[in-house]
Protein backbone atom coordinates (compact mmCIF):
# COMPACT_ATOMS: atom_id res chain seq x y z
CA MET A 1 117.68 141.56 99.77
CA ASN A 2 117.79 137.86 100.67
CA SER A 3 121.32 137.44 99.26
CA ILE A 4 122.49 140.50 101.23
CA ASP A 5 121.09 138.97 104.45
CA ARG A 6 122.79 135.66 103.66
CA THR A 7 126.12 137.33 102.96
CA SER A 8 125.89 139.44 106.13
CA HIS A 9 125.08 136.32 108.16
CA LEU A 10 128.04 134.44 106.65
CA VAL A 11 130.44 137.34 107.34
CA ASP A 12 129.13 137.57 110.91
CA GLN A 13 129.64 133.82 111.43
CA LEU A 14 133.16 133.91 109.95
CA PHE A 15 134.07 136.92 112.11
CA THR A 16 132.81 135.12 115.22
CA LEU A 17 134.83 132.00 114.34
CA SER A 18 137.99 134.02 113.76
CA ARG A 19 137.62 135.65 117.19
CA LEU A 20 137.08 132.27 118.86
CA ASP A 21 139.98 130.46 117.17
CA HIS A 22 142.65 132.06 119.32
CA LEU A 23 140.86 132.05 122.65
CA THR A 24 141.64 129.63 125.44
CA ALA A 25 139.10 131.22 127.80
CA PRO A 26 136.27 133.73 127.40
CA PHE A 27 137.29 137.42 127.14
CA TYR A 28 135.02 138.45 129.94
CA THR A 29 133.60 136.25 132.67
CA ALA A 30 130.82 137.22 135.05
CA THR A 31 127.87 135.61 136.76
CA VAL A 32 125.57 134.46 133.97
CA ASN A 33 122.08 135.93 133.77
CA TRP A 34 120.25 133.19 131.86
CA THR A 35 116.99 135.15 131.87
CA ASP A 36 118.63 137.94 129.87
CA ILE A 37 120.67 135.61 127.64
CA SER A 38 117.71 133.41 126.68
CA SER A 39 115.47 136.46 126.12
CA GLU A 40 118.07 138.19 123.92
CA ALA A 41 118.69 135.02 121.89
CA ILE A 42 114.96 134.46 121.36
CA GLU A 43 114.47 138.11 120.41
CA SER A 44 117.28 137.87 117.83
CA VAL A 45 115.56 134.95 116.01
CA LYS A 46 112.00 136.21 116.45
CA LEU A 47 111.64 137.63 112.94
CA TYR A 48 113.01 134.48 111.32
CA ALA A 49 110.71 132.33 113.48
CA ARG A 50 107.76 134.49 112.44
CA GLU A 51 108.71 134.13 108.74
CA ARG A 52 108.73 130.34 109.17
CA HIS A 53 105.58 130.42 111.34
CA CYS A 54 107.53 128.78 114.17
CA ARG A 55 107.19 129.35 117.87
CA VAL A 56 110.07 129.31 120.35
CA GLN A 57 108.98 128.10 123.74
CA HIS A 58 111.37 128.32 126.66
CA GLN A 59 111.23 127.27 130.25
CA PHE A 60 113.46 127.10 133.27
CA GLN A 61 113.47 123.83 135.19
CA THR A 62 115.45 125.45 137.98
CA GLU A 63 116.16 128.95 139.21
CA PRO A 64 117.88 130.91 136.40
CA ALA A 65 120.92 131.48 138.64
CA ALA A 66 121.43 127.69 138.90
CA VAL A 67 121.69 127.00 135.14
CA ILE A 68 125.11 125.87 133.89
CA PRO A 69 127.53 127.50 133.40
CA LEU A 70 127.18 129.74 136.42
CA SER A 71 129.78 132.17 135.08
CA GLY A 72 130.83 133.00 131.56
CA ASP A 73 130.82 135.52 128.74
CA HIS A 74 127.32 136.97 128.24
CA THR A 75 127.84 137.80 124.56
CA LEU A 76 129.32 134.42 123.64
CA LEU A 77 126.62 132.49 125.50
CA THR A 78 123.94 134.56 123.76
CA ILE A 79 125.53 133.67 120.40
CA LEU A 80 125.58 130.00 121.44
CA ILE A 81 121.83 129.95 122.21
CA ARG A 82 120.99 132.13 119.19
CA ASN A 83 122.83 129.80 116.78
CA LEU A 84 121.09 126.75 118.23
CA LEU A 85 117.68 128.41 117.94
CA ASP A 86 118.45 129.62 114.42
CA ASN A 87 119.36 126.07 113.35
CA ALA A 88 116.28 124.62 115.03
CA ILE A 89 114.03 127.07 113.19
CA ARG A 90 115.88 126.60 109.90
CA TYR A 91 115.60 122.79 109.89
CA SER A 92 112.10 122.43 111.33
CA PRO A 93 108.95 122.27 109.24
CA GLU A 94 106.90 125.46 109.12
CA TYR A 95 104.47 125.91 112.03
CA SER A 96 106.79 124.03 114.42
CA THR A 97 107.46 124.62 118.09
CA ILE A 98 111.10 124.79 119.14
CA ASN A 99 111.75 124.11 122.84
CA LEU A 100 114.54 125.71 124.87
CA ILE A 101 114.83 124.12 128.31
CA LEU A 102 117.30 125.49 130.85
CA ALA A 103 118.09 123.21 133.79
CA ALA A 104 120.75 122.98 136.48
CA SER A 105 122.67 120.22 134.69
CA ASN A 106 122.00 121.04 131.03
CA ILE A 107 120.48 123.29 128.39
CA THR A 108 118.43 121.48 125.78
CA ILE A 109 116.97 122.62 122.49
CA THR A 110 114.62 120.29 120.63
CA ASN A 111 112.91 120.71 117.31
CA PRO A 112 110.68 118.56 115.12
CA GLY A 113 111.74 117.46 111.66
CA ASN A 114 113.55 114.65 109.94
CA GLY A 115 116.60 114.74 112.19
CA VAL A 116 119.97 113.87 110.68
CA PRO A 117 121.29 110.51 109.43
CA SER A 118 123.24 108.98 112.32
CA GLU A 119 126.49 108.89 110.32
CA ASN A 120 126.32 112.70 110.05
CA LEU A 121 125.48 113.58 113.67
CA GLN A 122 129.07 114.04 114.83
CA ARG A 123 130.08 115.80 111.61
CA LEU A 124 127.56 118.60 112.23
CA ARG A 125 130.20 120.44 114.29
CA GLU A 126 132.68 120.50 111.41
CA ARG A 127 133.10 123.84 109.71
CA PHE A 128 131.12 124.15 106.48
CA PHE A 129 129.62 120.66 106.82
CA ARG A 130 126.03 120.40 105.68
CA PRO A 131 124.35 117.00 105.26
CA ALA A 132 123.28 116.21 101.72
CA GLY A 133 119.65 116.83 100.88
CA HIS A 134 119.04 119.85 103.12
CA LYS A 135 117.33 122.64 101.21
CA ALA A 136 117.52 125.25 103.98
CA ARG A 137 120.08 127.96 103.43
CA GLY A 138 123.09 128.13 105.70
CA SER A 139 126.85 128.10 105.79
CA GLY A 140 127.53 125.08 107.97
CA LEU A 141 129.28 127.23 110.61
CA GLY A 142 126.63 127.60 113.33
CA LEU A 143 127.30 124.38 115.25
CA SER A 144 131.06 124.82 114.89
CA ILE A 145 130.70 128.18 116.63
CA VAL A 146 128.43 126.64 119.28
CA ASP A 147 130.98 123.90 119.91
CA SER A 148 133.84 126.42 120.28
CA ILE A 149 131.87 128.60 122.71
CA ALA A 150 130.82 125.56 124.74
CA GLN A 151 134.44 124.36 125.00
CA LEU A 152 135.60 127.81 126.15
CA HIS A 153 133.09 127.51 129.00
CA GLY A 154 134.09 123.94 129.92
CA LEU A 155 130.92 122.48 128.39
CA LYS A 156 130.18 119.68 125.95
CA ILE A 157 127.54 119.27 123.27
CA ARG A 158 125.53 116.14 122.63
CA ILE A 159 123.46 115.95 119.43
CA ASN A 160 120.86 113.21 119.07
CA ASN A 161 117.95 112.39 116.85
CA ILE A 162 114.56 112.18 118.49
CA LYS A 163 112.84 108.97 117.44
CA ASN A 164 109.25 107.79 117.68
CA LYS A 165 108.17 104.34 118.91
CA LEU A 166 108.81 102.90 115.43
CA GLY A 167 112.41 104.16 115.49
CA GLN A 168 111.78 106.84 112.86
CA ARG A 169 113.56 110.17 113.19
CA VAL A 170 111.05 112.86 114.17
CA GLY A 171 113.31 115.64 115.41
CA LEU A 172 116.67 116.69 116.76
CA GLN A 173 117.91 117.42 120.26
CA VAL A 174 121.00 119.40 121.16
CA GLU A 175 122.10 119.22 124.78
CA ILE A 176 124.77 121.37 126.39
CA HIS A 177 126.16 119.87 129.60
CA ASN A 178 129.24 119.66 131.84
């Protein structure tokens, strides 16, 4: 069953990428309901989070109607958040808390873990790129899809390691901003 799930996920990711490749703007644009989008994205990763004993915590630092972008494609933005949450769960230790913070100027997802070697941070958006040494399953397409959806909505992605006071990597942060 696990290989069927993996194959289905890969086909879904490839289908999403093929749809995005030819777009210069979202198919459908409307006022974004970030309450619905964040809830749907969290619901779609809930089972996987439960399997990994992870908790997804989300909070609004502004009114949901003020989160960027103010207008966009509901389905694509849900995929964007879902892929980020899926990656955060996948690359976090079991029993971790993943944070989704929605603010007026950015959307941030943070997760604990070993982060990514700095020379690989920018490569994470490349299709099929997976840093050496990662044991978690995946296709290396999730962040490429996130990057494409963000660009369609006039947004940028910043990926950084979270470091402790000793400079050791203790997590990863993905920020979506104007």
